[in-house]
Structure formats: C-alpha cells, structure tokens
Amino acid sequence: MSFRWKNASADQILLYQCISLLLGYDKRLIEFVFDPGKPKIRKRAGILREDAFFFSHGEQLLIRAALDFWSGSGQLALWEMLEVWDSATWNRFTHAVSEYRRLELEESRRTEAKKAEGSSLC
C-alpha cells in the first residue's frame, strides 16, 4: 500500500517506507497512522495513541513505534517491546531501523556528491 502524496519530501517518503515495513504493510495500521492526502500522520500523536485502544497490545506498540519513527512522539519503551513482541515483530522492527539507516546514508552520500560537484565547478 502506498499513498500518492503531492509535495512529499525525500525524508517523508523514506520514513513512510520504513514505517510501512515496520507495520508489516498492514493496510489497517498504515491507514490508521497516516493521512492519505498529505505527508503527515492522520491526527496528533497523543490522539492516535488514545484512539489505538481497539488494536491488540502488540499493534498498539507498533503504532507507537511508527510515531517514534515519524516524530519521536510514540512514547514507546524498550521494556514494553521486550515483553510483548514476538520474534517476527522484532525482525520487522530491526529490519525497518536498518533500512532507514541504509537509505538515510545513501541520501546523505548523494547530497554530499552534489555539493562536491557544485564546488568543483566554481
């Protein structure tokens, strides 16, 4: 599932991709977290955390992890993750973090290369 956001920055697209991976590409969770029309979360983080009560405890933690990825507003604690998540969820979490770091590094290298090209032309 992918939203067709207009004017989304590269960082927002990167975060969306990694969060989708974290959420297991679960359409329910993705639509719960994200605004389909704009590159942002659907509601304020605190409201999303409260509205997530009808999801399972594990899914609530995934939503909070997604909010932490997006804006640092999920208030997720490591002890909760250790207590609740199974190995498949941990694998998705670590894969999402690794993928974010890898893609962030690639983007950083592209930006540095463009800067170097620009300065060598002067």
N, C-alpha and C. Protein backbone atom coordinates (compact mmCIF):
# COMPACT_ATOMS: atom_id res chain seq x y z
N MET A 1 0.84 -1.17 0.00
CA MET A 1 0.00 0.00 0.00
C MET A 1 0.88 1.23 0.00
N SER A 2 0.50 2.18 -0.80
CA SER A 2 1.28 3.41 -0.88
C SER A 2 0.35 4.58 -1.16
N PHE A 3 0.58 5.66 -0.46
CA PHE A 3 -0.18 6.88 -0.71
C PHE A 3 0.51 7.67 -1.80
N ARG A 4 -0.25 8.43 -2.54
CA ARG A 4 0.29 9.29 -3.59
C ARG A 4 0.32 10.73 -3.07
N TRP A 5 1.25 10.99 -2.18
CA TRP A 5 1.34 12.32 -1.59
C TRP A 5 1.98 13.29 -2.58
N LYS A 6 1.38 14.45 -2.72
CA LYS A 6 1.99 15.52 -3.50
C LYS A 6 2.89 16.31 -2.56
N ASN A 7 4.01 16.77 -3.08
CA ASN A 7 4.94 17.62 -2.33
C ASN A 7 5.55 16.93 -1.12
N ALA A 8 5.64 15.63 -1.11
CA ALA A 8 6.30 14.93 -0.01
C ALA A 8 7.82 15.04 -0.19
N SER A 9 8.50 15.31 0.89
CA SER A 9 9.96 15.40 0.84
C SER A 9 10.55 13.99 0.78
N ALA A 10 11.81 13.92 0.41
CA ALA A 10 12.51 12.64 0.38
C ALA A 10 12.53 12.01 1.77
N ASP A 11 12.70 12.82 2.80
CA ASP A 11 12.69 12.30 4.18
C ASP A 11 11.33 11.71 4.55
N GLN A 12 10.26 12.38 4.16
CA GLN A 12 8.92 11.88 4.46
C GLN A 12 8.65 10.57 3.74
N ILE A 13 9.07 10.47 2.51
CA ILE A 13 8.89 9.22 1.75
C ILE A 13 9.71 8.10 2.37
N LEU A 14 10.95 8.40 2.76
CA LEU A 14 11.80 7.41 3.41
C LEU A 14 11.16 6.92 4.71
N LEU A 15 10.70 7.84 5.52
CA LEU A 15 10.05 7.45 6.78
C LEU A 15 8.81 6.61 6.51
N TYR A 16 7.99 7.03 5.55
CA TYR A 16 6.78 6.27 5.22
C TYR A 16 7.14 4.84 4.81
N GLN A 17 8.16 4.68 3.97
CA GLN A 17 8.56 3.35 3.51
C GLN A 17 9.00 2.48 4.68
N CYS A 18 9.81 3.04 5.57
CA CYS A 18 10.32 2.26 6.71
C CYS A 18 9.22 1.95 7.71
N ILE A 19 8.32 2.88 7.93
CA ILE A 19 7.20 2.65 8.84
C ILE A 19 6.26 1.58 8.26
N SER A 20 6.04 1.63 6.96
CA SER A 20 5.20 0.60 6.33
C SER A 20 5.81 -0.78 6.52
N LEU A 21 7.13 -0.87 6.37
CA LEU A 21 7.83 -2.12 6.63
C LEU A 21 7.64 -2.54 8.08
N LEU A 22 7.85 -1.61 9.00
CA LEU A 22 7.66 -1.89 10.43
C LEU A 22 6.26 -2.43 10.71
N LEU A 23 5.26 -1.83 10.08
CA LEU A 23 3.86 -2.23 10.30
C LEU A 23 3.48 -3.48 9.51
N GLY A 24 4.43 -4.08 8.86
CA GLY A 24 4.17 -5.31 8.10
C GLY A 24 3.29 -5.06 6.89
N TYR A 25 3.31 -3.83 6.38
CA TYR A 25 2.48 -3.44 5.23
C TYR A 25 1.00 -3.71 5.48
N ASP A 26 0.61 -3.69 6.75
CA ASP A 26 -0.78 -3.91 7.16
C ASP A 26 -1.59 -2.65 6.85
N LYS A 27 -2.51 -2.77 5.90
CA LYS A 27 -3.30 -1.63 5.44
C LYS A 27 -4.05 -0.94 6.59
N ARG A 28 -4.60 -1.74 7.51
CA ARG A 28 -5.33 -1.15 8.64
C ARG A 28 -4.45 -0.24 9.48
N LEU A 29 -3.23 -0.72 9.78
CA LEU A 29 -2.33 0.07 10.61
C LEU A 29 -1.80 1.30 9.87
N ILE A 30 -1.45 1.11 8.61
CA ILE A 30 -0.94 2.23 7.81
C ILE A 30 -2.00 3.33 7.68
N GLU A 31 -3.24 2.94 7.38
CA GLU A 31 -4.31 3.93 7.24
C GLU A 31 -4.67 4.56 8.58
N PHE A 32 -4.46 3.84 9.66
CA PHE A 32 -4.71 4.40 10.99
C PHE A 32 -3.71 5.50 11.31
N VAL A 33 -2.45 5.30 10.91
CA VAL A 33 -1.39 6.23 11.26
C VAL A 33 -1.33 7.43 10.31
N PHE A 34 -1.43 7.19 9.01
CA PHE A 34 -1.14 8.25 8.04
C PHE A 34 -2.36 8.91 7.44
N ASP A 35 -2.20 10.17 7.11
CA ASP A 35 -3.18 10.94 6.35
C ASP A 35 -3.00 10.53 4.89
N PRO A 36 -4.05 10.06 4.21
CA PRO A 36 -3.88 9.59 2.83
C PRO A 36 -3.60 10.71 1.83
N GLY A 37 -3.96 11.95 2.17
CA GLY A 37 -3.82 13.04 1.22
C GLY A 37 -2.60 13.92 1.40
N LYS A 38 -1.97 13.87 2.57
CA LYS A 38 -0.84 14.74 2.86
C LYS A 38 0.25 13.93 3.56
N PRO A 39 1.51 14.34 3.37
CA PRO A 39 2.60 13.60 4.01
C PRO A 39 2.71 13.92 5.50
N LYS A 40 1.78 13.36 6.26
CA LYS A 40 1.76 13.58 7.71
C LYS A 40 0.94 12.48 8.37
N ILE A 41 1.02 12.43 9.70
CA ILE A 41 0.18 11.48 10.42
C ILE A 41 -1.25 12.02 10.45
N ARG A 42 -2.21 11.12 10.60
CA ARG A 42 -3.63 11.45 10.50
C ARG A 42 -4.11 12.44 11.54
N LYS A 43 -3.64 12.29 12.77
CA LYS A 43 -4.05 13.14 13.88
C LYS A 43 -2.83 13.41 14.74
N ARG A 44 -2.97 14.27 15.72
CA ARG A 44 -1.89 14.46 16.67
C ARG A 44 -1.52 13.13 17.31
N ALA A 45 -0.25 12.96 17.63
CA ALA A 45 0.25 11.68 18.14
C ALA A 45 -0.49 11.24 19.40
N GLY A 46 -0.74 12.14 20.32
CA GLY A 46 -1.43 11.76 21.55
C GLY A 46 -2.82 11.21 21.28
N ILE A 47 -3.50 11.79 20.32
CA ILE A 47 -4.84 11.32 19.96
C ILE A 47 -4.76 9.95 19.30
N LEU A 48 -3.78 9.77 18.42
CA LEU A 48 -3.61 8.45 17.79
C LEU A 48 -3.31 7.37 18.83
N ARG A 49 -2.46 7.71 19.80
CA ARG A 49 -2.16 6.73 20.85
C ARG A 49 -3.43 6.36 21.61
N GLU A 50 -4.26 7.34 21.92
CA GLU A 50 -5.52 7.06 22.63
C GLU A 50 -6.50 6.28 21.75
N ASP A 51 -6.61 6.66 20.49
CA ASP A 51 -7.54 6.01 19.57
C ASP A 51 -7.14 4.57 19.25
N ALA A 52 -5.90 4.20 19.53
CA ALA A 52 -5.40 2.86 19.21
C ALA A 52 -5.88 1.80 20.20
N PHE A 53 -6.73 2.17 21.15
CA PHE A 53 -7.16 1.23 22.21
C PHE A 53 -7.81 -0.03 21.66
N PHE A 54 -8.43 0.04 20.49
CA PHE A 54 -9.13 -1.13 19.96
C PHE A 54 -8.21 -2.10 19.23
N PHE A 55 -6.94 -1.74 19.06
CA PHE A 55 -5.96 -2.66 18.48
C PHE A 55 -5.40 -3.54 19.59
N SER A 56 -4.80 -4.66 19.21
CA SER A 56 -4.14 -5.51 20.20
C SER A 56 -2.98 -4.75 20.83
N HIS A 57 -2.50 -5.25 21.97
CA HIS A 57 -1.39 -4.58 22.65
C HIS A 57 -0.16 -4.50 21.75
N GLY A 58 0.14 -5.58 21.04
CA GLY A 58 1.28 -5.59 20.13
C GLY A 58 1.12 -4.58 19.01
N GLU A 59 -0.09 -4.46 18.47
CA GLU A 59 -0.34 -3.47 17.41
C GLU A 59 -0.26 -2.05 17.96
N GLN A 60 -0.71 -1.84 19.17
CA GLN A 60 -0.57 -0.52 19.79
C GLN A 60 0.89 -0.12 19.90
N LEU A 61 1.73 -1.09 20.26
CA LEU A 61 3.16 -0.80 20.35
C LEU A 61 3.75 -0.51 18.98
N LEU A 62 3.29 -1.22 17.96
CA LEU A 62 3.75 -0.92 16.60
C LEU A 62 3.35 0.49 16.18
N ILE A 63 2.15 0.89 16.51
CA ILE A 63 1.69 2.25 16.20
C ILE A 63 2.56 3.27 16.92
N ARG A 64 2.86 3.00 18.19
CA ARG A 64 3.72 3.91 18.94
C ARG A 64 5.14 3.94 18.37
N ALA A 65 5.64 2.78 17.90
CA ALA A 65 6.95 2.74 17.25
C ALA A 65 6.92 3.57 15.96
N ALA A 66 5.82 3.46 15.22
CA ALA A 66 5.68 4.25 13.99
C ALA A 66 5.70 5.75 14.30
N LEU A 67 5.03 6.14 15.37
CA LEU A 67 5.02 7.55 15.77
C LEU A 67 6.41 8.01 16.22
N ASP A 68 7.15 7.11 16.88
CA ASP A 68 8.53 7.45 17.25
C ASP A 68 9.40 7.62 16.01
N PHE A 69 9.23 6.76 15.02
CA PHE A 69 9.95 6.91 13.76
C PHE A 69 9.62 8.27 13.14
N TRP A 70 8.33 8.58 13.06
CA TRP A 70 7.88 9.76 12.34
C TRP A 70 8.30 11.05 13.04
N SER A 71 8.08 11.12 14.36
CA SER A 71 8.31 12.41 15.03
C SER A 71 8.83 12.30 16.46
N GLY A 72 9.15 11.09 16.89
CA GLY A 72 9.62 10.93 18.26
C GLY A 72 8.51 11.08 19.29
N SER A 73 7.27 10.87 18.88
CA SER A 73 6.13 11.16 19.75
C SER A 73 5.34 9.91 20.17
N GLY A 74 5.93 8.73 19.98
CA GLY A 74 5.20 7.50 20.29
C GLY A 74 5.27 7.08 21.75
N GLN A 75 6.28 7.58 22.45
CA GLN A 75 6.48 7.25 23.86
C GLN A 75 6.58 5.74 24.09
N LEU A 76 7.30 5.09 23.20
CA LEU A 76 7.48 3.64 23.29
C LEU A 76 8.65 3.34 24.21
N ALA A 77 8.49 2.36 25.06
CA ALA A 77 9.55 1.95 25.99
C ALA A 77 10.09 0.59 25.58
N LEU A 78 11.39 0.44 25.67
CA LEU A 78 12.03 -0.81 25.31
C LEU A 78 11.46 -1.99 26.09
N TRP A 79 11.21 -1.80 27.38
CA TRP A 79 10.70 -2.92 28.19
C TRP A 79 9.37 -3.42 27.66
N GLU A 80 8.53 -2.52 27.11
CA GLU A 80 7.24 -2.97 26.54
C GLU A 80 7.47 -3.82 25.30
N MET A 81 8.41 -3.39 24.48
CA MET A 81 8.71 -4.15 23.28
C MET A 81 9.24 -5.54 23.64
N LEU A 82 10.14 -5.58 24.62
CA LEU A 82 10.71 -6.86 25.05
C LEU A 82 9.65 -7.80 25.62
N GLU A 83 8.69 -7.23 26.30
CA GLU A 83 7.67 -8.03 26.96
C GLU A 83 6.59 -8.55 26.00
N VAL A 84 6.31 -7.79 24.94
CA VAL A 84 5.13 -8.08 24.12
C VAL A 84 5.46 -8.65 22.74
N TRP A 85 6.47 -8.13 22.07
CA TRP A 85 6.69 -8.50 20.68
C TRP A 85 7.28 -9.91 20.55
N ASP A 86 6.81 -10.61 19.51
CA ASP A 86 7.39 -11.91 19.17
C ASP A 86 8.58 -11.69 18.23
N SER A 87 9.24 -12.77 17.88
CA SER A 87 10.46 -12.64 17.07
C SER A 87 10.17 -12.07 15.67
N ALA A 88 9.02 -12.38 15.09
CA ALA A 88 8.69 -11.83 13.77
C ALA A 88 8.55 -10.31 13.82
N THR A 89 7.94 -9.82 14.88
CA THR A 89 7.78 -8.36 15.03
C THR A 89 9.13 -7.71 15.27
N TRP A 90 9.96 -8.33 16.10
CA TRP A 90 11.32 -7.81 16.33
C TRP A 90 12.10 -7.79 15.03
N ASN A 91 11.96 -8.82 14.22
CA ASN A 91 12.66 -8.85 12.93
C ASN A 91 12.22 -7.69 12.04
N ARG A 92 10.92 -7.44 11.99
CA ARG A 92 10.44 -6.30 11.19
C ARG A 92 10.97 -4.98 11.74
N PHE A 93 10.96 -4.84 13.06
CA PHE A 93 11.46 -3.62 13.69
C PHE A 93 12.93 -3.39 13.35
N THR A 94 13.75 -4.41 13.55
CA THR A 94 15.18 -4.23 13.29
C THR A 94 15.44 -4.03 11.79
N HIS A 95 14.66 -4.70 10.95
CA HIS A 95 14.80 -4.50 9.50
C HIS A 95 14.44 -3.07 9.13
N ALA A 96 13.35 -2.54 9.71
CA ALA A 96 12.94 -1.16 9.41
C ALA A 96 14.00 -0.16 9.86
N VAL A 97 14.58 -0.37 11.03
CA VAL A 97 15.63 0.53 11.51
C VAL A 97 16.85 0.44 10.60
N SER A 98 17.25 -0.77 10.24
CA SER A 98 18.40 -0.96 9.35
C SER A 98 18.16 -0.33 7.99
N GLU A 99 16.97 -0.54 7.46
CA GLU A 99 16.63 0.03 6.15
C GLU A 99 16.63 1.55 6.20
N TYR A 100 16.11 2.11 7.27
CA TYR A 100 16.12 3.57 7.43
C TYR A 100 17.55 4.09 7.43
N ARG A 101 18.40 3.46 8.21
CA ARG A 101 19.80 3.88 8.28
C ARG A 101 20.49 3.74 6.93
N ARG A 102 20.24 2.65 6.24
CA ARG A 102 20.87 2.43 4.93
C ARG A 102 20.42 3.49 3.92
N LEU A 103 19.11 3.72 3.85
CA LEU A 103 18.59 4.70 2.90
C LEU A 103 18.98 6.12 3.27
N GLU A 104 19.03 6.41 4.56
CA GLU A 104 19.46 7.73 5.02
C GLU A 104 20.92 7.97 4.62
N LEU A 105 21.76 6.95 4.77
CA LEU A 105 23.16 7.06 4.40
C LEU A 105 23.31 7.27 2.89
N GLU A 106 22.53 6.54 2.09
CA GLU A 106 22.58 6.72 0.63
C GLU A 106 22.19 8.15 0.26
N GLU A 107 21.14 8.66 0.87
CA GLU A 107 20.68 10.02 0.59
C GLU A 107 21.75 11.03 0.99
N SER A 108 22.37 10.82 2.12
CA SER A 108 23.43 11.70 2.59
C SER A 108 24.61 11.70 1.62
N ARG A 109 24.96 10.53 1.12
CA ARG A 109 26.06 10.44 0.15
C ARG A 109 25.72 11.15 -1.15
N ARG A 110 24.47 11.00 -1.61
CA ARG A 110 24.05 11.71 -2.83
C ARG A 110 24.12 13.22 -2.64
N THR A 111 23.68 13.69 -1.48
CA THR A 111 23.71 15.12 -1.19
C THR A 111 25.15 15.62 -1.16
N GLU A 112 26.04 14.88 -0.52
CA GLU A 112 27.45 15.27 -0.46
C GLU A 112 28.07 15.28 -1.85
N ALA A 113 27.72 14.30 -2.69
CA ALA A 113 28.25 14.24 -4.04
C ALA A 113 27.80 15.44 -4.86
N LYS A 114 26.55 15.83 -4.69
CA LYS A 114 26.03 17.00 -5.41
C LYS A 114 26.75 18.27 -4.94
N LYS A 115 27.00 18.38 -3.66
CA LYS A 115 27.73 19.53 -3.13
C LYS A 115 29.14 19.56 -3.69
N ALA A 116 29.78 18.40 -3.74
CA ALA A 116 31.14 18.33 -4.26
C ALA A 116 31.18 18.70 -5.73
N GLU A 117 30.18 18.25 -6.49
CA GLU A 117 30.11 18.61 -7.92
C GLU A 117 29.97 20.11 -8.06
N GLY A 118 29.09 20.71 -7.26
CA GLY A 118 28.87 22.15 -7.33
C GLY A 118 30.09 22.95 -6.97
N SER A 119 30.83 22.52 -5.97
CA SER A 119 32.01 23.27 -5.56
C SER A 119 33.16 23.09 -6.54
N SER A 120 33.21 21.96 -7.25
CA SER A 120 34.30 21.76 -8.22
C SER A 120 34.05 22.56 -9.49
N LEU A 121 32.82 22.98 -9.72
CA LEU A 121 32.51 23.78 -10.91
C LEU A 121 32.89 25.25 -10.72
N CYS A 122 33.07 25.66 -9.50
CA CYS A 122 33.39 27.07 -9.21
C CYS A 122 34.82 27.40 -9.49
